Amino acid sequence: MAFSINMAIITGNVTRDPELKYTPSGSAVCSFGVATNHSVKKGDQWTDIPTFHNIIVWGKQAEFISNAVKKGTKVSIVGRIDNRQYEGKDGTKRYISEIVAETVIPFTDRRSSGDIPELPGQDRSPTTDNPKEDQGGEKIEDIIIPDSMPF
């Protein structure tokens, strides 16, 4: 057997609320859409071109995602690309490409989301007037990373 890789990694915004269903055997399956963008320069202007992806999630993660994600949520997905065909309501063959997700990571925007409770005693105020200084007073741009560091 020849060596091959089928992996998709995307980060984008959910375009429709997840739909949770169960197979006759009781397995959970969740489907939703995600949009990603790439930029193209036309003359002097950059234009964002969206690409829409169909996402499928199985099992317990499907149940979690159906409650944790909604339209507009930013997510990062790792999975594989799958192509399948089915028969439409009008009897014609239809083809679809989708990403079967192994991992879905929802992101939350702490600045605008009221969903995330603050922990007691948690102070979100800046620690310094200069955002380019760390808590020790050292300027971030003055920190030198030795060449021997592995990154």
Protein backbone atom coordinates (compact mmCIF):
# COMPACT_ATOMS: atom_id res chain seq x y z
CA MET A 1 0.00 0.00 0.00
CA ALA A 2 1.34 3.44 -0.94
CA PHE A 3 1.87 6.11 1.66
CA SER A 4 -0.78 8.84 1.61
CA ILE A 5 -2.04 11.65 3.81
CA ASN A 6 -5.56 13.07 3.97
CA MET A 7 -5.57 15.87 6.52
CA ALA A 8 -7.41 19.17 6.71
CA ILE A 9 -6.67 21.92 9.21
CA ILE A 10 -8.85 25.02 9.10
CA THR A 11 -9.73 27.93 11.35
CA GLY A 12 -12.79 29.98 10.52
CA ASN A 13 -16.25 31.09 11.57
CA VAL A 14 -19.29 28.83 11.90
CA THR A 15 -21.83 29.75 9.19
CA ARG A 16 -24.87 27.86 10.51
CA ASP A 17 -25.87 26.49 13.89
CA PRO A 18 -24.82 22.84 14.38
CA GLU A 19 -27.48 20.23 13.70
CA LEU A 20 -27.31 17.16 15.94
CA LYS A 21 -28.82 13.87 14.76
CA TYR A 22 -28.54 10.23 15.78
CA THR A 23 -28.04 7.22 13.54
CA PRO A 24 -30.40 4.23 13.91
CA SER A 25 -27.67 2.55 16.00
CA GLY A 26 -27.59 5.56 18.38
CA SER A 27 -24.36 7.26 17.28
CA ALA A 28 -24.41 11.06 17.49
CA VAL A 29 -23.51 13.01 14.35
CA CYS A 30 -23.34 16.79 14.15
CA SER A 31 -23.08 18.85 10.97
CA PHE A 32 -22.41 22.55 10.47
CA GLY A 33 -20.63 24.91 8.10
CA VAL A 34 -17.41 26.91 8.48
CA ALA A 35 -16.16 29.78 6.32
CA THR A 36 -12.50 30.57 5.76
CA ASN A 37 -11.03 33.44 3.73
CA HIS A 38 -8.05 33.99 1.51
CA SER A 39 -7.00 37.34 0.13
CA VAL A 40 -6.48 38.23 -3.51
CA LYS A 41 -4.96 41.49 -4.73
CA LYS A 42 -6.91 43.18 -7.51
CA GLY A 43 -5.06 46.31 -8.60
CA ASP A 44 -4.17 48.17 -5.43
CA GLN A 45 -6.94 46.61 -3.32
CA TRP A 46 -6.98 43.36 -1.38
CA THR A 47 -10.22 41.38 -1.48
CA ASP A 48 -11.21 38.54 0.86
CA ILE A 49 -12.58 35.49 -0.95
CA PRO A 50 -14.60 33.12 1.27
CA THR A 51 -14.52 29.35 1.03
CA PHE A 52 -17.34 27.39 2.66
CA HIS A 53 -16.69 23.99 4.25
CA ASN A 54 -19.17 21.33 5.37
CA ILE A 55 -18.13 19.82 8.71
CA ILE A 56 -19.18 16.47 10.21
CA VAL A 57 -18.40 15.47 13.82
CA TRP A 58 -19.20 12.06 15.36
CA GLY A 59 -19.72 10.65 18.86
CA LYS A 60 -19.51 12.47 22.17
CA GLN A 61 -17.66 15.36 20.54
CA ALA A 62 -20.71 15.85 18.29
CA GLU A 63 -22.95 16.20 21.34
CA PHE A 64 -20.51 18.66 22.96
CA ILE A 65 -20.11 20.77 19.81
CA SER A 66 -23.88 20.98 19.26
CA ASN A 67 -24.12 22.79 22.62
CA ALA A 68 -20.83 24.72 22.63
CA VAL A 69 -20.87 26.22 19.13
CA LYS A 70 -23.28 28.52 17.35
CA LYS A 71 -23.33 30.59 14.17
CA GLY A 72 -20.47 33.11 14.28
CA THR A 73 -18.24 31.14 16.67
CA LYS A 74 -14.60 30.92 15.60
CA VAL A 75 -13.42 27.30 15.53
CA SER A 76 -10.28 25.41 14.64
CA ILE A 77 -10.78 21.99 13.06
CA VAL A 78 -8.46 19.07 12.35
CA GLY A 79 -9.85 16.22 10.29
CA ARG A 80 -9.89 14.50 6.92
CA ILE A 81 -11.57 15.38 3.65
CA ASP A 82 -14.29 12.99 2.57
CA ASN A 83 -16.23 12.96 -0.71
CA ARG A 84 -19.54 11.16 -0.98
CA GLN A 85 -22.54 10.95 -3.21
CA TYR A 86 -26.21 10.71 -2.43
CA GLU A 87 -29.49 10.84 -4.28
CA GLY A 88 -31.33 14.17 -4.12
CA LYS A 89 -35.07 14.51 -3.57
CA ASP A 90 -35.50 14.88 -7.33
CA GLY A 91 -33.70 11.57 -7.92
CA THR A 92 -30.46 13.00 -9.31
CA LYS A 93 -27.03 12.03 -8.01
CA ARG A 94 -25.40 14.72 -5.90
CA TYR A 95 -21.83 14.96 -4.72
CA ILE A 96 -20.53 16.63 -1.58
CA SER A 97 -17.12 17.24 -0.04
CA GLU A 98 -16.92 17.55 3.71
CA ILE A 99 -14.37 17.59 6.48
CA VAL A 100 -14.86 14.76 8.95
CA ALA A 101 -13.52 16.37 12.10
CA GLU A 102 -11.34 14.53 14.57
CA THR A 103 -10.85 17.63 16.72
CA VAL A 104 -12.95 20.78 16.98
CA ILE A 105 -11.72 23.61 19.19
CA PRO A 106 -14.20 26.46 19.74
CA PHE A 107 -12.73 29.86 20.55
CA THR A 108 -14.42 32.43 22.74
CA ASP A 109 -13.92 36.16 22.57
CA ARG A 110 -13.47 37.18 26.19
CA ARG A 111 -13.85 40.86 25.32
CA SER A 112 -17.37 40.60 23.94
CA SER A 113 -18.75 37.38 25.40
CA GLY A 114 -20.79 37.57 28.55
CA ASP A 115 -20.89 33.75 28.70
CA ILE A 116 -17.53 33.40 30.39
CA PRO A 117 -17.76 34.01 34.12
CA GLU A 118 -14.86 35.66 35.85
CA LEU A 119 -13.29 33.74 38.69
CA PRO A 120 -13.54 35.32 42.14
CA GLY A 121 -10.63 37.69 42.70
CA GLN A 122 -9.69 37.65 39.01
CA ASP A 123 -8.33 41.02 37.92
CA ARG A 124 -8.40 41.64 34.17
CA SER A 125 -6.95 45.13 34.37
CA PRO A 126 -3.58 45.70 32.66
CA THR A 127 -0.54 45.18 34.88
CA THR A 128 1.37 48.10 33.40
CA ASP A 129 0.69 51.30 31.48
CA ASN A 130 3.00 50.13 28.71
CA PRO A 131 1.70 46.97 26.97
CA LYS A 132 5.19 46.33 25.59
CA GLU A 133 6.53 45.73 29.11
CA ASP A 134 6.09 42.50 30.99
CA GLN A 135 5.31 42.38 34.71
CA GLY A 136 9.00 42.57 35.63
CA GLY A 137 9.33 45.94 33.90
CA GLU A 138 11.51 44.53 31.12
CA LYS A 139 10.59 45.63 27.60
CA ILE A 140 9.53 42.71 25.44
CA GLU A 141 11.58 43.87 22.44
CA ASP A 142 14.70 43.91 24.67
CA ILE A 143 14.44 40.21 25.48
CA ILE A 144 17.10 38.29 23.55
CA ILE A 145 16.45 34.69 22.55
CA PRO A 146 19.69 32.73 22.24
CA ASP A 147 20.48 31.03 18.91
CA SER A 148 20.67 27.71 20.75
CA MET A 149 16.89 27.75 21.42
CA PRO A 150 15.11 25.06 19.37
CA PHE A 151 12.59 27.47 17.83
